[in-house]
Protein backbone atom coordinates (compact mmCIF):
# COMPACT_ATOMS: atom_id res chain seq x y z
CA UNK A 1 98.94 104.78 51.86
CA UNK A 2 99.41 105.09 55.61
CA UNK A 3 101.80 107.81 56.82
CA UNK A 4 104.69 106.50 58.88
CA UNK A 5 106.23 108.33 61.85
CA UNK A 6 106.55 111.45 59.76
CA UNK A 7 104.71 114.63 58.78
CA UNK A 8 103.42 114.72 55.22
CA UNK A 9 101.63 117.32 53.10
CA UNK A 10 99.70 116.70 49.90
CA UNK A 11 97.41 119.03 47.97
CA UNK A 12 94.73 117.40 45.84
CA UNK A 13 93.48 120.82 44.70
CA UNK A 14 94.53 124.45 44.94
CA UNK A 15 98.24 124.06 44.18
CA UNK A 16 98.98 125.07 40.62
CA UNK A 17 95.59 126.75 40.35
CA UNK A 18 93.49 129.30 42.22
CA UNK A 19 90.41 127.58 43.62
CA UNK A 20 89.30 124.02 44.41
CA UNK A 21 91.35 123.87 47.62
CA UNK A 22 91.84 120.43 49.17
CA UNK A 23 94.87 119.91 51.43
CA UNK A 24 95.96 116.80 53.31
CA UNK A 25 98.31 116.41 56.26
CA UNK A 26 99.56 112.94 57.16
CA UNK A 27 101.11 111.99 60.47
CA UNK A 28 101.72 108.73 62.36
CA UNK A 29 99.26 106.66 60.37
CA UNK A 30 96.49 109.24 60.07
CA UNK A 31 95.31 111.90 57.61
CA UNK A 32 93.70 115.28 58.19
CA UNK A 33 91.93 117.20 55.41
CA UNK A 34 91.89 120.99 55.39
CA UNK A 35 89.12 122.44 53.19
CA UNK A 36 87.06 120.73 50.52
CA UNK A 37 86.44 123.27 47.79
CA UNK A 38 85.46 123.51 44.17
CA UNK A 39 85.89 125.84 41.23
CA UNK A 40 83.57 126.92 38.46
CA UNK A 41 83.57 125.50 34.95
CA UNK A 42 85.06 127.54 32.13
CA UNK A 43 85.13 127.18 28.36
CA UNK A 44 87.37 124.12 28.59
CA UNK A 45 84.42 122.16 30.04
CA UNK A 46 81.35 122.64 27.81
CA UNK A 47 78.10 122.38 29.73
CA UNK A 48 79.83 122.29 33.13
CA UNK A 49 79.29 124.69 36.03
CA UNK A 50 81.14 122.96 38.89
CA UNK A 51 84.60 121.36 38.95
CA UNK A 52 86.01 119.31 41.84
CA UNK A 53 89.32 117.79 42.86
CA UNK A 54 89.56 114.05 42.30
CA UNK A 55 89.63 112.55 45.80
CA UNK A 56 90.48 108.99 44.75
CA UNK A 57 93.69 108.92 46.81
CA UNK A 58 92.08 109.85 50.11
CA UNK A 59 88.92 107.87 49.37
CA UNK A 60 91.11 104.77 49.15
CA UNK A 61 92.59 105.74 52.52
CA UNK A 62 89.41 106.99 54.16
CA UNK A 63 89.74 104.56 57.09
CA UNK A 64 92.73 106.64 58.19
CA UNK A 65 91.08 110.05 57.55
CA UNK A 66 90.11 111.74 60.83
CA UNK A 67 88.06 114.70 59.63
CA UNK A 68 87.76 117.78 57.43
CA UNK A 69 88.62 121.14 59.00
CA UNK A 70 87.25 124.15 57.11
CA UNK A 71 89.12 127.45 57.25
CA UNK A 72 86.31 129.70 55.94
CA UNK A 73 83.13 129.70 53.90
CA UNK A 74 84.22 130.63 50.38
CA UNK A 75 83.06 128.16 47.75
CA UNK A 76 86.61 127.31 46.71
CA UNK A 77 87.08 126.00 50.27
CA UNK A 78 83.67 124.46 51.12
CA UNK A 79 81.79 124.04 47.82
CA UNK A 80 82.53 120.34 47.35
CA UNK A 81 81.44 119.36 50.86
CA UNK A 82 77.87 118.26 50.03
CA UNK A 83 79.09 116.17 47.08
CA UNK A 84 81.80 114.16 48.85
CA UNK A 85 81.56 114.32 52.63
CA UNK A 86 79.05 111.49 53.01
CA UNK A 87 81.26 109.15 51.01
CA UNK A 88 84.33 110.18 52.98
CA UNK A 89 82.41 109.33 56.17
CA UNK A 90 84.21 111.74 58.51
CA UNK A 91 83.08 114.72 60.61
CA UNK A 92 83.38 118.38 59.65
CA UNK A 93 84.84 121.13 61.84
CA UNK A 94 84.12 124.83 61.34
CA UNK A 95 83.63 128.13 63.15
CA UNK A 96 79.99 129.32 63.53
CA UNK A 97 79.50 131.40 60.36
CA UNK A 98 81.14 128.77 58.15
CA UNK A 99 79.17 126.04 59.91
CA UNK A 100 75.92 127.92 59.30
CA UNK A 101 76.51 128.00 55.53
CA UNK A 102 77.78 124.42 55.41
CA UNK A 103 74.77 123.20 57.38
CA UNK A 104 72.48 124.78 54.79
CA UNK A 105 74.36 122.95 52.03
CA UNK A 106 74.06 119.65 53.84
CA UNK A 107 70.35 120.26 54.43
CA UNK A 108 69.78 121.04 50.76
CA UNK A 109 71.62 117.85 49.81
CA UNK A 110 69.47 115.84 52.23
CA UNK A 111 72.42 114.56 54.26
CA UNK A 112 72.41 116.87 57.28
CA UNK A 113 71.45 114.04 59.64
CA UNK A 114 74.23 111.79 58.33
CA UNK A 115 77.22 114.13 58.58
CA UNK A 116 78.57 115.24 61.99
CA UNK A 117 79.26 118.99 61.91
CA UNK A 118 81.23 120.28 64.90
CA UNK A 119 81.05 124.01 65.58
CA UNK A 120 84.26 125.35 67.12
CA UNK A 121 82.88 128.43 68.83
CA UNK A 122 85.54 129.88 71.09
CA UNK A 123 88.63 129.14 69.01
CA UNK A 124 89.57 126.47 71.54
CA UNK A 125 92.10 123.81 70.63
CA UNK A 126 90.68 120.46 69.59
CA UNK A 127 92.49 117.21 68.94
CA UNK A 128 92.13 114.77 66.05
CA UNK A 129 94.50 111.84 66.51
CA UNK A 130 98.08 113.16 66.34
CA UNK A 131 96.88 116.62 65.28
CA UNK A 132 96.16 119.40 67.78
CA UNK A 133 94.28 122.18 66.01
CA UNK A 134 93.48 125.78 66.87
CA UNK A 135 91.79 128.42 64.74
CA UNK A 136 93.70 131.69 64.38
CA UNK A 137 91.45 134.54 63.11
CA UNK A 138 92.85 136.51 60.17
CA UNK A 139 91.25 139.18 58.00
CA UNK A 140 89.78 138.12 54.67
CA UNK A 141 86.90 139.06 52.41
CA UNK A 142 84.42 136.98 54.39
CA UNK A 143 83.41 136.65 58.03
CA UNK A 144 85.54 134.31 60.10
CA UNK A 145 88.51 133.87 57.84
CA UNK A 146 90.93 131.69 59.77
CA UNK A 147 94.38 130.25 59.72
CA UNK A 148 94.99 126.91 61.41
CA UNK A 149 97.72 126.27 63.93
CA UNK A 150 98.33 122.52 63.75
CA UNK A 151 100.50 120.84 66.38
CA UNK A 152 102.00 117.45 65.52
CA UNK A 153 104.64 115.24 67.12
CA UNK A 154 107.02 116.33 64.34
CA UNK A 155 106.51 120.08 64.48
CA UNK A 156 103.97 122.85 64.23
CA UNK A 157 102.25 123.99 61.04
CA UNK A 158 100.76 127.43 60.42
CA UNK A 159 98.24 126.96 57.60
CA UNK A 160 97.13 130.47 56.60
CA UNK A 161 93.99 129.75 54.60
CA UNK A 162 93.04 132.89 52.67
CA UNK A 163 94.13 136.03 54.49
CA UNK A 164 95.29 139.63 54.46
CA UNK A 165 96.24 142.30 56.99
CA UNK A 166 93.58 144.89 57.80
CA UNK A 167 93.64 147.45 60.60
CA UNK A 168 89.95 148.23 59.99
CA UNK A 169 88.29 144.99 58.85
CA UNK A 170 84.70 146.11 59.70
CA UNK A 171 83.72 142.52 60.62
CA UNK A 172 85.66 140.39 63.10
CA UNK A 173 88.84 140.89 65.12
CA UNK A 174 91.95 139.46 63.47
CA UNK A 175 94.87 138.13 65.48
CA UNK A 176 97.34 140.91 66.25
CA UNK A 177 100.98 141.19 65.22
CA UNK A 178 101.95 140.60 68.84
CA UNK A 179 99.89 137.40 69.00
CA UNK A 180 101.35 136.13 65.73
CA UNK A 181 104.84 136.95 66.98
CA UNK A 182 104.12 134.88 70.09
CA UNK A 183 103.18 131.94 67.87
CA UNK A 184 106.47 132.36 66.04
CA UNK A 185 108.34 132.50 69.35
CA UNK A 186 106.98 129.05 70.21
CA UNK A 187 108.44 127.68 66.97
CA UNK A 188 106.82 126.90 63.62
CA UNK A 189 108.12 124.14 61.39
CA UNK A 190 106.14 124.98 58.24
CA UNK A 191 104.15 127.94 56.95
CA UNK A 192 101.63 126.79 54.32
CA UNK A 193 100.70 130.08 52.74
CA UNK A 194 98.30 131.79 50.30
CA UNK A 195 100.15 132.89 47.13
CA UNK A 196 97.39 134.69 45.20
CA UNK A 197 98.69 138.27 45.33
CA UNK A 198 102.42 137.66 45.57
CA UNK A 199 103.06 139.82 42.50
CA UNK A 200 101.27 142.79 44.07
CA UNK A 201 103.95 145.18 45.37
CA UNK A 202 101.49 146.98 47.65
CA UNK A 203 99.44 145.86 50.62
CA UNK A 204 95.89 144.83 49.82
CA UNK A 205 94.25 147.73 51.63
CA UNK A 206 91.61 148.05 54.30
CA UNK A 207 87.87 147.48 54.24
CA UNK A 208 87.61 150.75 56.15
CA UNK A 209 89.15 152.54 53.17
CA UNK A 210 86.58 150.92 50.90
CA UNK A 211 83.79 152.24 53.12
CA UNK A 212 85.09 155.77 52.65
CA UNK A 213 85.51 155.23 48.92
CA UNK A 214 82.01 153.84 48.44
CA UNK A 215 80.43 156.60 50.49
CA UNK A 216 82.21 159.23 48.41
CA UNK A 217 81.33 157.53 45.12
CA UNK A 218 77.65 157.05 45.93
CA UNK A 219 77.54 160.69 47.04
CA UNK A 220 78.74 161.80 43.60
CA UNK A 221 75.60 160.46 41.95
CA UNK A 222 72.79 162.46 43.50
CA UNK A 223 69.47 161.84 41.79
CA UNK A 224 70.72 158.65 40.11
CA UNK A 225 69.82 155.08 40.86
CA UNK A 226 73.00 153.33 42.05
CA UNK A 227 73.61 149.58 41.90
CA UNK A 228 76.61 147.98 43.61
CA UNK A 229 77.67 144.48 42.66
CA UNK A 230 80.00 142.60 45.00
CA UNK A 231 80.82 139.11 46.19
CA UNK A 232 77.84 137.85 48.18
CA UNK A 233 80.08 136.23 50.78
CA UNK A 234 81.80 139.49 51.74
CA UNK A 235 79.89 140.21 54.94
CA UNK A 236 82.12 143.18 55.75
CA UNK A 237 81.27 144.73 52.37
CA UNK A 238 77.57 144.18 53.03
CA UNK A 239 77.95 145.90 56.39
CA UNK A 240 79.72 148.75 54.60
CA UNK A 241 76.98 149.04 51.99
CA UNK A 242 74.32 149.12 54.70
CA UNK A 243 76.16 152.01 56.33
CA UNK A 244 76.60 153.75 52.97
CA UNK A 245 72.88 153.44 52.24
CA UNK A 246 71.96 154.97 55.59
CA UNK A 247 74.57 157.75 55.40
CA UNK A 248 73.54 158.71 51.85
CA UNK A 249 69.82 158.73 52.63
CA UNK A 250 69.05 155.77 50.38
CA UNK A 251 66.89 152.70 50.96
CA UNK A 252 68.66 149.37 50.53
CA UNK A 253 67.39 146.77 48.07
CA UNK A 254 68.99 143.32 47.71
CA UNK A 255 68.92 141.33 44.45
CA UNK A 256 70.28 137.79 44.53
CA UNK A 257 69.46 134.65 46.51
CA UNK A 258 73.07 134.17 47.61
CA UNK A 259 73.02 137.67 49.12
CA UNK A 260 69.82 136.83 51.00
CA UNK A 261 71.41 133.65 52.33
CA UNK A 262 74.61 135.37 53.47
CA UNK A 263 72.69 138.17 55.17
CA UNK A 264 70.58 135.65 57.12
CA UNK A 265 73.65 133.67 58.14
CA UNK A 266 75.52 136.83 59.12
CA UNK A 267 72.69 138.06 61.33
CA UNK A 268 72.29 134.62 62.92
CA UNK A 269 75.97 134.71 63.89
CA UNK A 270 75.83 138.18 65.40
CA UNK A 271 77.12 140.16 62.41
CA UNK A 272 75.36 142.91 60.41
CA UNK A 273 74.11 144.60 63.54
CA UNK A 274 72.05 147.74 62.89
CA UNK A 275 71.73 146.64 59.27
CA UNK A 276 69.13 148.84 57.57
CA UNK A 277 65.73 147.52 56.63
CA UNK A 278 65.68 146.00 53.16
CA UNK A 279 62.96 147.14 50.77
CA UNK A 280 61.42 144.86 48.15
CA UNK A 281 61.70 145.32 44.39
CA UNK A 282 58.36 147.07 43.96
CA UNK A 283 59.11 149.54 46.74
CA UNK A 284 62.57 150.21 45.32
CA UNK A 285 61.15 150.96 41.88
CA UNK A 286 58.59 153.31 43.38
CA UNK A 287 61.21 155.45 45.13
CA UNK A 288 62.80 158.54 43.58
CA UNK A 289 65.91 157.41 41.69
CA UNK A 290 68.33 159.04 44.09
CA UNK A 291 66.78 157.38 47.13
CA UNK A 292 67.62 153.72 46.46
CA UNK A 293 70.84 151.72 46.63
CA UNK A 294 70.68 148.30 45.00
CA UNK A 295 73.12 145.54 45.93
CA UNK A 296 73.14 142.76 43.34
CA UNK A 297 74.97 139.55 42.54
CA UNK A 298 76.58 138.98 39.15
CA UNK A 299 79.74 141.06 39.12
CA UNK A 300 81.67 138.14 37.60
CA UNK A 301 79.40 137.98 34.57
CA UNK A 302 77.27 135.04 35.71
CA UNK A 303 74.53 134.82 33.07
CA UNK A 304 71.70 133.96 35.48
CA UNK A 305 72.65 136.38 38.25
CA UNK A 306 70.71 139.54 39.04
CA UNK A 307 73.05 141.98 37.28
CA UNK A 308 72.93 140.06 33.99
CA UNK A 309 69.14 140.03 34.07
CA UNK A 310 69.00 143.74 34.94
CA UNK A 311 71.39 144.48 32.07
CA UNK A 312 69.14 142.50 29.72
CA UNK A 313 66.03 144.30 30.98
CA UNK A 314 64.25 141.16 32.22
CA UNK A 315 64.42 141.74 35.98
CA UNK A 316 61.90 143.50 38.25
CA UNK A 317 64.66 146.02 39.03
CA UNK A 318 65.60 148.35 36.19
CA UNK A 319 68.24 150.93 35.33
CA UNK A 320 68.07 153.83 32.91
CA UNK A 321 70.61 155.91 31.04
CA UNK A 322 72.67 157.92 33.49
CA UNK A 323 72.18 155.45 36.35
CA UNK A 324 75.32 153.98 37.90
CA UNK A 325 76.75 150.50 38.48
CA UNK A 326 79.69 150.16 40.87
CA UNK A 327 81.76 147.00 40.49
CA UNK A 328 82.91 146.55 44.10
CA UNK A 329 84.78 143.33 43.36
CA UNK A 330 87.88 142.23 41.54
CA UNK A 331 87.74 140.59 38.15
CA UNK A 332 88.55 136.91 38.61
CA UNK A 333 90.89 135.63 35.85
CA UNK A 334 88.88 133.76 33.25
CA UNK A 335 85.76 135.88 33.71
CA UNK A 336 86.91 138.80 31.55
CA UNK A 337 84.73 137.95 28.55
CA UNK A 338 81.60 137.33 30.61
CA UNK A 339 82.07 140.57 32.57
CA UNK A 340 82.78 142.51 29.39
CA UNK A 341 79.59 141.19 27.83
CA UNK A 342 77.47 142.53 30.68
CA UNK A 343 79.35 145.83 30.77
CA UNK A 344 78.73 146.29 27.06
CA UNK A 345 75.02 145.72 27.56
CA UNK A 346 75.03 148.33 30.29
CA UNK A 347 77.04 150.71 28.12
CA UNK A 348 74.56 150.33 25.29
CA UNK A 349 71.90 151.69 27.64
CA UNK A 350 74.19 154.62 28.63
CA UNK A 351 74.60 153.37 32.19
CA UNK A 352 77.70 154.67 33.95
CA UNK A 353 80.10 152.01 35.27
CA UNK A 354 82.80 152.46 37.89
CA UNK A 355 85.35 149.74 38.77
CA UNK A 356 88.09 149.42 41.35
CA UNK A 357 90.56 150.66 38.74
CA UNK A 358 88.91 154.07 38.81
CA UNK A 359 87.94 154.47 42.47
CA UNK A 360 88.81 152.83 45.78
CA UNK A 361 85.63 150.75 45.95
CA UNK A 362 87.23 147.33 46.44
CA UNK A 363 90.27 145.77 48.09
CA UNK A 364 91.52 142.23 47.76
CA UNK A 365 91.19 139.64 50.48
CA UNK A 366 94.66 138.23 49.77
CA UNK A 367 98.10 139.45 50.89
CA UNK A 368 100.44 141.56 48.78
CA UNK A 369 104.19 141.34 49.18
CA UNK A 370 104.43 143.66 52.19
CA UNK A 371 101.89 141.55 54.06
CA UNK A 372 103.68 138.31 53.20
CA UNK A 373 106.97 139.80 54.37
CA UNK A 374 105.38 140.90 57.65
CA UNK A 375 103.95 137.43 58.30
CA UNK A 376 107.29 135.79 57.57
CA UNK A 377 108.86 138.06 60.20
CA UNK A 378 106.24 137.19 62.80
CA UNK A 379 105.97 133.44 62.23
CA UNK A 380 109.61 132.73 61.29
CA UNK A 381 109.02 129.22 59.91
CA UNK A 382 111.74 126.76 59.00
CA UNK A 383 109.89 125.76 55.82
CA UNK A 384 107.64 127.71 53.45
CA UNK A 385 105.06 125.76 51.41
CA UNK A 386 103.28 128.08 48.95
CA UNK A 387 99.71 127.06 48.05
CA UNK A 388 96.59 128.74 46.65
CA UNK A 389 98.07 129.93 43.40
CA UNK A 390 99.14 129.02 39.91
CA UNK A 391 102.67 127.69 39.60
CA UNK A 392 104.03 131.15 38.77
CA UNK A 393 102.54 132.53 42.00
CA UNK A 394 103.90 129.72 44.14
CA UNK A 395 107.41 129.86 42.71
CA UNK A 396 107.50 133.62 43.21
CA UNK A 397 106.42 133.25 46.82
CA UNK A 398 109.13 130.65 47.36
CA UNK A 399 111.71 133.13 46.05
CA UNK A 400 110.28 135.88 48.25
CA UNK A 401 110.32 133.69 51.33
CA UNK A 402 113.94 132.64 50.82
CA UNK A 403 114.92 136.28 50.24
CA UNK A 404 113.28 137.11 53.58
CA UNK A 405 115.34 134.53 55.41
CA UNK A 406 113.14 131.43 55.48
CA UNK A 407 115.67 128.58 55.33
CA UNK A 408 113.75 126.25 53.02
CA UNK A 409 110.87 126.47 50.55
CA UNK A 410 109.05 123.56 48.91
CA UNK A 411 107.18 124.25 45.68
CA UNK A 412 104.67 121.50 45.05
CA UNK A 413 101.69 120.86 42.77
CA UNK A 414 98.50 118.87 43.14
CA UNK A 415 99.38 115.25 43.75
CA UNK A 416 102.91 115.82 45.03
CA UNK A 417 103.48 114.02 48.32
CA UNK A 418 105.82 116.15 50.41
CA UNK A 419 107.61 115.08 53.58
CA UNK A 420 108.01 118.01 55.97
CA UNK A 421 109.68 116.06 58.77
CA UNK A 422 111.86 114.33 59.75
CA UNK A 423 114.86 115.09 57.60
CA UNK A 424 115.19 117.36 54.60
CA UNK A 425 111.78 118.58 53.38
CA UNK A 426 110.79 117.78 49.82
CA UNK A 427 108.72 115.72 47.43
CA UNK A 428 108.94 111.98 47.99
CA UNK A 429 106.34 110.65 45.53
CA UNK A 430 103.14 111.41 43.65
CA UNK A 431 99.53 110.36 44.17
CA UNK A 432 96.58 110.62 41.83
CA UNK A 433 95.27 114.16 41.48
CA UNK A 434 92.88 115.19 38.77
CA UNK A 435 89.58 116.91 38.17
CA UNK A 436 85.98 115.81 38.30
CA UNK A 437 83.01 117.71 36.89
CA UNK A 438 79.36 117.88 37.83
CA UNK A 439 77.76 117.01 34.50
CA UNK A 440 74.02 117.33 34.98
CA UNK A 441 73.44 115.19 38.07
CA UNK A 442 76.51 112.99 37.55
CA UNK A 443 80.04 113.48 38.85
CA UNK A 444 82.32 112.38 36.03
CA UNK A 445 86.03 112.60 35.10
CA UNK A 446 86.94 115.95 33.58
CA UNK A 447 89.00 114.12 30.98
CA UNK A 448 86.36 111.45 30.36
CA UNK A 449 84.80 110.49 27.07
CA UNK A 450 81.76 112.74 27.53
CA UNK A 451 83.84 115.90 27.91
CA UNK A 452 86.27 114.93 25.14
CA UNK A 453 83.40 114.23 22.75
CA UNK A 454 81.58 117.43 23.70
CA UNK A 455 84.65 119.50 22.88
CA UNK A 456 85.05 117.73 19.55
CA UNK A 457 81.42 118.28 18.67
CA UNK A 458 81.68 121.95 19.56
CA UNK A 459 84.75 122.33 17.37
CA UNK A 460 83.83 120.31 14.31
CA UNK A 461 80.17 119.30 14.33
CA UNK A 462 78.45 115.98 13.77
CA UNK A 463 77.47 113.86 10.77
CA UNK A 464 75.07 110.93 11.17
CA UNK A 465 74.89 108.14 8.61
CA UNK A 466 71.91 105.76 8.76
CA UNK A 467 72.23 102.51 6.76
CA UNK A 468 69.39 100.13 5.86
CA UNK A 469 71.60 97.09 5.32
CA UNK A 470 71.06 97.17 1.52
CA UNK A 471 73.64 99.79 0.66
CA UNK A 472 71.22 102.70 0.94
CA UNK A 473 72.10 105.57 3.24
CA UNK A 474 70.60 108.63 4.82
CA UNK A 475 72.98 111.38 5.94
CA UNK A 476 72.29 114.23 8.34
CA UNK A 477 74.67 116.92 9.59
CA UNK A 478 74.71 119.23 12.60
CA UNK A 479 77.09 122.12 13.12
CA UNK A 480 78.72 122.27 9.67
CA UNK A 481 79.00 125.76 8.11
CA UNK A 482 77.01 124.78 5.00
CA UNK A 483 73.75 126.66 5.36
CA UNK A 484 73.33 127.36 1.63
CA UNK A 485 75.05 124.18 0.40
CA UNK A 486 73.70 121.69 2.91
CA UNK A 487 71.33 119.87 0.58
CA UNK A 488 74.00 119.44 -2.08
CA UNK A 489 76.51 118.23 0.48
CA UNK A 490 74.09 115.68 1.92
CA UNK A 491 73.26 114.34 -1.52
CA UNK A 492 76.93 113.96 -2.42
CA UNK A 493 77.72 112.40 0.94
CA UNK A 494 74.98 109.80 0.38
CA UNK A 495 76.49 108.94 -3.02
CA UNK A 496 79.98 108.68 -1.51
CA UNK A 497 78.79 106.35 1.22
CA UNK A 498 76.94 104.12 -1.26
CA UNK A 499 80.00 103.98 -3.50
CA UNK A 500 82.25 103.11 -0.58
CA UNK A 501 79.98 100.23 0.39
CA UNK A 502 79.98 98.78 -3.16
CA UNK A 503 83.78 98.67 -3.06
CA UNK A 504 83.78 96.28 -0.13
CA UNK A 505 84.90 92.78 -1.10
CA UNK A 506 83.64 89.37 -0.11
CA UNK A 507 83.02 88.92 3.59
CA UNK A 508 83.56 92.62 4.28
CA UNK A 509 80.10 93.32 2.88
CA UNK A 510 78.57 91.35 5.77
CA UNK A 511 81.02 92.53 8.43
CA UNK A 512 79.20 95.21 10.42
CA UNK A 513 82.42 96.87 11.62
CA UNK A 514 83.87 97.02 8.10
CA UNK A 515 80.63 98.46 6.69
CA UNK A 516 80.42 101.11 9.40
CA UNK A 517 84.06 102.13 8.99
CA UNK A 518 83.72 102.48 5.22
CA UNK A 519 80.61 104.60 5.61
CA UNK A 520 82.22 106.72 8.34
CA UNK A 521 85.32 107.51 6.32
CA UNK A 522 83.33 108.33 3.19
CA UNK A 523 81.03 110.73 5.04
CA UNK A 524 83.92 112.39 6.85
CA UNK A 525 85.90 112.90 3.63
CA UNK A 526 82.84 114.45 2.00
CA UNK A 527 82.39 116.80 4.95
CA UNK A 528 86.04 117.82 4.85
CA UNK A 529 85.88 118.37 1.09
CA UNK A 530 82.84 120.62 1.41
CA UNK A 531 83.60 122.48 4.62
CA UNK A 532 87.22 122.00 5.62
CA UNK A 533 85.98 120.50 8.91
CA UNK A 534 86.61 116.99 10.23
CA UNK A 535 83.37 116.30 12.09
CA UNK A 536 82.54 113.41 14.35
CA UNK A 537 80.67 110.77 12.33
CA UNK A 538 78.26 108.23 13.75
CA UNK A 539 76.99 105.32 11.64
CA UNK A 540 73.75 103.59 12.57
CA UNK A 541 72.20 100.50 10.98
CA UNK A 542 68.41 100.63 10.97
CA UNK A 543 65.41 99.50 8.98
CA UNK A 544 63.80 102.32 6.99
């Protein structure tokens, strides 16, 4: 589809969900993509770690796609880049810190020489076809969080990306209220805005307040080994922890490859100045317990991250009863069970745990209601388009925006094609929007046969019937709850299959499909009779 003389918006990911952000703007025959993110697999996708938006719509229109502009370096905004950018065949645009991390991803994927990556260093305007684009720095939980100011022949868009308000952000200098008001004075057609924390009645809080909270909390635990787990990408938090280590007289030890990567990128881009020297694991373990501060990945319960391995006791760094773990991160919905599992392992070893519910050791990177209301007053858009949230978040933001005087709000979901101008804004059609998964080394449909079958196997198990072509059968079962009765079940299932085959009449006895179906049904009925389960059954003809 080629946009006409109009301004269109379409999310392929990130609307109706938190994560996997992929946004498209269409204008005068051309498309612009903002962000190309992913999300992480949950229980609904057995064996899957990475989930992507299905880009079929824009892949079919790639000849009209001008480029991908990245707002910031969180995985839900850049994580899909190395998997899809080569096929899309368009350049990337990013500010220096984001570009540094994206370049590493492209290098690891072996496509760095094939993908143009343009570094927008001084926040200068750049043009892509009918789109004039300028980065607008906003505070977030990562270096160089940015909104995008997008000029088009049909009106101006303020695309917030992920953001918050912070008078003491530690890293970076966000755009001021006066500067945002000036943008609003020039006129904004549409505000496309982060919805994550719309139900939070309070402002998100300042990174400077977290620094005070962490310094106080670490100071409470004299003589104890303290471990802080946080999001690796939060460069401001890393700067804070470096200052806390120095102020509390502790040496800093880092555990986690993603932390190492972010620290290198931060230093290369001029951040983390005066960061304390990092000691290795052996040195850290040789120090008195009260003289080391460990920063580790794994606060979301990731089973292979440093914190999980420390909790299990199979990491070079160790904790003892009475030591302290500070969870300086919010609990992402869906990770509750994984986090609880690690916390229980720590509790079993009598390790003290402190979360942001007990102390001010973390603040969100997304805006609460007061921050949203302030932005509405500065930008004063004609249209509000909530994104970056589940449907309940986006509808609530639409209500909030209208209550604050925004004339129109458009609530859309992935795949909804919305016309912003000319005329009345609203949905005009739908395009394909779905999910893909990285399954091993293969990108496959999330609703494909492999995932469907894997879920069925996990739920009900598997029975295999092997026929020799003479009515004899072997039966094997996997995943049925018949530990003590398995042999008896298998024997009875073999008899049932043989009996079912003898009941076939005439030509059915030589019809492979009829033979297999009779054997399948007999084995499945036997399994259900013995276990109450309806397993998947596979019938194979083979020579014994």
